[in-house]
C-alpha atoms as a PDB file:
ATOM      1  CA  UNK A   1      12.863 -38.510 -46.954  1.00  0.00           C
ATOM      2  CA  UNK A   2      13.679 -36.564 -50.096  1.00  0.00           C
ATOM      3  CA  UNK A   3      10.542 -36.372 -52.212  1.00  0.00           C
ATOM      4  CA  UNK A   4      11.386 -35.510 -55.999  1.00  0.00           C
ATOM      5  CA  UNK A   5       9.509 -32.571 -57.683  1.00  0.00           C
ATOM      6  CA  UNK A   6       7.691 -34.815 -59.979  1.00  0.00           C
ATOM      7  CA  UNK A   7       6.253 -36.850 -57.169  1.00  0.00           C
ATOM      8  CA  UNK A   8       5.432 -33.888 -55.463  1.00  0.00           C
ATOM      9  CA  UNK A   9       3.784 -32.424 -58.544  1.00  0.00           C
ATOM     10  CA  UNK A  10       1.877 -36.407 -58.762  1.00  0.00           C
ATOM     11  CA  UNK A  11       0.701 -36.122 -54.781  1.00  0.00           C
ATOM     12  CA  UNK A  12      -0.805 -32.565 -55.538  1.00  0.00           C
ATOM     13  CA  UNK A  13      -2.594 -33.230 -58.475  1.00  0.00           C
ATOM     14  CA  UNK A  14      -3.847 -36.764 -56.845  1.00  0.00           C
ATOM     15  CA  UNK A  15      -5.065 -34.348 -54.094  1.00  0.00           C
ATOM     16  CA  UNK A  16      -6.872 -31.885 -56.408  1.00  0.00           C
ATOM     17  CA  UNK A  17      -8.354 -34.729 -58.043  1.00  0.00           C
ATOM     18  CA  UNK A  18      -9.708 -36.350 -54.789  1.00  0.00           C
ATOM     19  CA  UNK A  19     -11.087 -33.044 -53.711  1.00  0.00           C
ATOM     20  CA  UNK A  20     -12.787 -32.524 -56.941  1.00  0.00           C
ATOM     21  CA  UNK A  21     -14.327 -36.167 -56.472  1.00  0.00           C
ATOM     22  CA  UNK A  22     -15.529 -35.252 -53.147  1.00  0.00           C
ATOM     23  CA  UNK A  23     -17.248 -32.085 -54.179  1.00  0.00           C
ATOM     24  CA  UNK A  24     -18.988 -34.310 -56.423  1.00  0.00           C
ATOM     25  CA  UNK A  25     -20.390 -36.560 -53.775  1.00  0.00           C
ATOM     26  CA  UNK A  26     -17.980 -39.368 -53.726  1.00  0.00           C
ATOM     27  CA  UNK A  27     -16.127 -40.431 -50.287  1.00  0.00           C
ATOM     28  CA  UNK A  28     -12.608 -41.476 -49.899  1.00  0.00           C
ATOM     29  CA  UNK A  29     -11.716 -45.222 -49.239  1.00  0.00           C
ATOM     30  CA  UNK A  30      -8.149 -45.504 -49.829  1.00  0.00           C
ATOM     31  CA  UNK A  31      -5.276 -43.671 -51.372  1.00  0.00           C
ATOM     32  CA  UNK A  32      -2.321 -44.845 -53.399  1.00  0.00           C
ATOM     33  CA  UNK A  33      -3.560 -48.726 -52.945  1.00  0.00           C
ATOM     34  CA  UNK A  34      -0.417 -50.553 -54.169  1.00  0.00           C
ATOM     35  CA  UNK A  35       0.685 -54.161 -54.502  1.00  0.00           C
ATOM     36  CA  UNK A  36       3.151 -56.147 -56.818  1.00  0.00           C
ATOM     37  CA  UNK A  37       0.494 -55.537 -59.675  1.00  0.00           C
ATOM     38  CA  UNK A  38      -0.054 -52.168 -59.450  1.00  0.00           C
ATOM     39  CA  UNK A  39      -1.125 -48.990 -57.868  1.00  0.00           C
ATOM     40  CA  UNK A  40      -4.498 -47.364 -57.809  1.00  0.00           C
ATOM     41  CA  UNK A  41      -4.350 -43.577 -57.008  1.00  0.00           C
ATOM     42  CA  UNK A  42      -7.719 -43.418 -55.379  1.00  0.00           C
ATOM     43  CA  UNK A  43     -10.566 -45.876 -54.254  1.00  0.00           C
ATOM     44  CA  UNK A  44     -13.853 -43.980 -53.623  1.00  0.00           C
ATOM     45  CA  UNK A  45     -17.382 -44.692 -53.329  1.00  0.00           C
ATOM     46  CA  UNK A  46     -20.488 -43.137 -54.899  1.00  0.00           C
ATOM     47  CA  UNK A  47     -23.552 -44.664 -53.102  1.00  0.00           C
ATOM     48  CA  UNK A  48     -23.557 -48.554 -53.728  1.00  0.00           C
ATOM     49  CA  UNK A  49     -20.235 -48.407 -56.086  1.00  0.00           C
ATOM     50  CA  UNK A  50     -16.800 -48.490 -55.236  1.00  0.00           C
ATOM     51  CA  UNK A  51     -14.891 -46.718 -57.936  1.00  0.00           C
ATOM     52  CA  UNK A  52     -11.270 -47.378 -58.725  1.00  0.00           C
ATOM     53  CA  UNK A  53      -9.776 -43.844 -60.092  1.00  0.00           C
ATOM     54  CA  UNK A  54      -6.932 -43.411 -62.390  1.00  0.00           C
ATOM     55  CA  UNK A  55      -5.802 -39.602 -61.797  1.00  0.00           C
ATOM     56  CA  UNK A  56      -3.585 -38.479 -65.089  1.00  0.00           C
ATOM     57  CA  UNK A  57      -2.121 -35.265 -65.771  1.00  0.00           C
ATOM     58  CA  UNK A  58      -0.126 -33.670 -68.671  1.00  0.00           C
ATOM     59  CA  UNK A  59       1.500 -30.229 -69.001  1.00  0.00           C
ATOM     60  CA  UNK A  60       1.147 -30.137 -72.438  1.00  0.00           C
ATOM     61  CA  UNK A  61      -1.061 -32.067 -74.900  1.00  0.00           C
ATOM     62  CA  UNK A  62       1.565 -31.785 -77.554  1.00  0.00           C
ATOM     63  CA  UNK A  63       1.790 -36.298 -77.434  1.00  0.00           C
ATOM     64  CA  UNK A  64      -1.878 -36.795 -76.684  1.00  0.00           C
ATOM     65  CA  UNK A  65      -4.018 -35.822 -73.806  1.00  0.00           C
ATOM     66  CA  UNK A  66      -4.070 -37.316 -70.041  1.00  0.00           C
ATOM     67  CA  UNK A  67      -6.979 -39.689 -70.485  1.00  0.00           C
ATOM     68  CA  UNK A  68      -5.361 -41.042 -73.680  1.00  0.00           C
ATOM     69  CA  UNK A  69      -2.275 -42.363 -71.679  1.00  0.00           C
ATOM     70  CA  UNK A  70      -4.693 -44.813 -69.865  1.00  0.00           C
ATOM     71  CA  UNK A  71      -3.805 -47.580 -72.626  1.00  0.00           C
ATOM     72  CA  UNK A  72      -4.709 -51.251 -72.428  1.00  0.00           C
ATOM     73  CA  UNK A  73      -1.591 -52.115 -70.506  1.00  0.00           C
ATOM     74  CA  UNK A  74      -2.442 -49.491 -67.866  1.00  0.00           C
ATOM     75  CA  UNK A  75      -6.024 -50.767 -67.750  1.00  0.00           C
ATOM     76  CA  UNK A  76      -4.890 -54.490 -67.340  1.00  0.00           C
ATOM     77  CA  UNK A  77      -2.745 -53.611 -64.420  1.00  0.00           C
ATOM     78  CA  UNK A  78      -5.388 -51.255 -62.697  1.00  0.00           C
ATOM     79  CA  UNK A  79      -7.832 -54.192 -63.156  1.00  0.00           C
ATOM     80  CA  UNK A  80      -5.202 -56.725 -61.560  1.00  0.00           C
ATOM     81  CA  UNK A  81      -4.838 -54.133 -58.612  1.00  0.00           C
ATOM     82  CA  UNK A  82      -8.345 -53.815 -58.092  1.00  0.00           C
ATOM     83  CA  UNK A  83      -8.755 -57.799 -58.101  1.00  0.00           C
ATOM     84  CA  UNK A  84      -6.041 -57.860 -55.460  1.00  0.00           C
ATOM     85  CA  UNK A  85      -7.818 -54.829 -53.540  1.00  0.00           C
ATOM     86  CA  UNK A  86     -11.429 -56.718 -53.425  1.00  0.00           C
ATOM     87  CA  UNK A  87      -9.631 -60.137 -52.249  1.00  0.00           C
ATOM     88  CA  UNK A  88      -8.399 -58.198 -49.302  1.00  0.00           C
ATOM     89  CA  UNK A  89     -11.213 -56.037 -48.595  1.00  0.00           C
ATOM     90  CA  UNK A  90     -14.388 -58.126 -49.522  1.00  0.00           C
ATOM     91  CA  UNK A  91     -17.728 -56.168 -50.091  1.00  0.00           C
ATOM     92  CA  UNK A  92     -20.790 -56.604 -52.080  1.00  0.00           C
ATOM     93  CA  UNK A  93     -20.694 -53.129 -53.944  1.00  0.00           C
ATOM     94  CA  UNK A  94     -20.668 -52.881 -57.627  1.00  0.00           C
ATOM     95  CA  UNK A  95     -17.234 -51.750 -59.040  1.00  0.00           C
ATOM     96  CA  UNK A  96     -16.133 -49.527 -61.926  1.00  0.00           C
ATOM     97  CA  UNK A  97     -12.986 -47.836 -63.007  1.00  0.00           C
ATOM     98  CA  UNK A  98     -12.909 -44.159 -63.702  1.00  0.00           C
ATOM     99  CA  UNK A  99     -10.260 -41.745 -65.099  1.00  0.00           C
ATOM    100  CA  UNK A 100      -9.716 -38.226 -63.839  1.00  0.00           C
ATOM    101  CA  UNK A 101      -7.716 -36.397 -66.292  1.00  0.00           C
ATOM    102  CA  UNK A 102      -6.318 -33.086 -65.487  1.00  0.00           C
ATOM    103  CA  UNK A 103      -5.253 -31.089 -68.428  1.00  0.00           C
ATOM    104  CA  UNK A 104      -3.992 -27.933 -69.722  1.00  0.00           C
ATOM    105  CA  UNK A 105      -5.456 -24.719 -68.133  1.00  0.00           C
ATOM    106  CA  UNK A 106      -6.976 -26.542 -64.996  1.00  0.00           C
ATOM    107  CA  UNK A 107      -9.256 -28.477 -67.192  1.00  0.00           C
ATOM    108  CA  UNK A 108     -10.998 -31.618 -65.402  1.00  0.00           C
ATOM    109  CA  UNK A 109     -12.494 -34.623 -67.421  1.00  0.00           C
ATOM    110  CA  UNK A 110     -13.974 -37.268 -65.003  1.00  0.00           C
ATOM    111  CA  UNK A 111     -14.315 -40.242 -67.345  1.00  0.00           C
ATOM    112  CA  UNK A 112     -16.730 -42.472 -65.483  1.00  0.00           C
ATOM    113  CA  UNK A 113     -16.870 -45.979 -66.444  1.00  0.00           C
ATOM    114  CA  UNK A 114     -13.622 -45.462 -68.528  1.00  0.00           C
ATOM    115  CA  UNK A 115     -13.075 -48.981 -69.363  1.00  0.00           C
ATOM    116  CA  UNK A 116     -14.324 -52.437 -68.085  1.00  0.00           C
ATOM    117  CA  UNK A 117     -12.268 -55.184 -66.589  1.00  0.00           C
ATOM    118  CA  UNK A 118     -11.905 -58.543 -68.401  1.00  0.00           C
END
């Protein structure tokens, strides 16, 4: 299987994000959950909360920060994918959406409760 350089960079950044969140006490539940509605990079658990994590990376902030790329359209796709996940993996945990933005110079911005699903 041939993996493009961009997808390899994405996989590497997702692994960095996963490692970072695990060091903060979160446990990995699923990686790259996909359905026809979209994809969630990481599904993690923090105590009694299921956390859907979108990992974003920018080499340059010339056109905005990594976190700014999670617009309303992306949020809706993530919410729909999370709903699909929950239909297939029922639980009684609270849920939230986080964004882990990897920026210039190795900066990490972890935005908890980055947005709310409608």
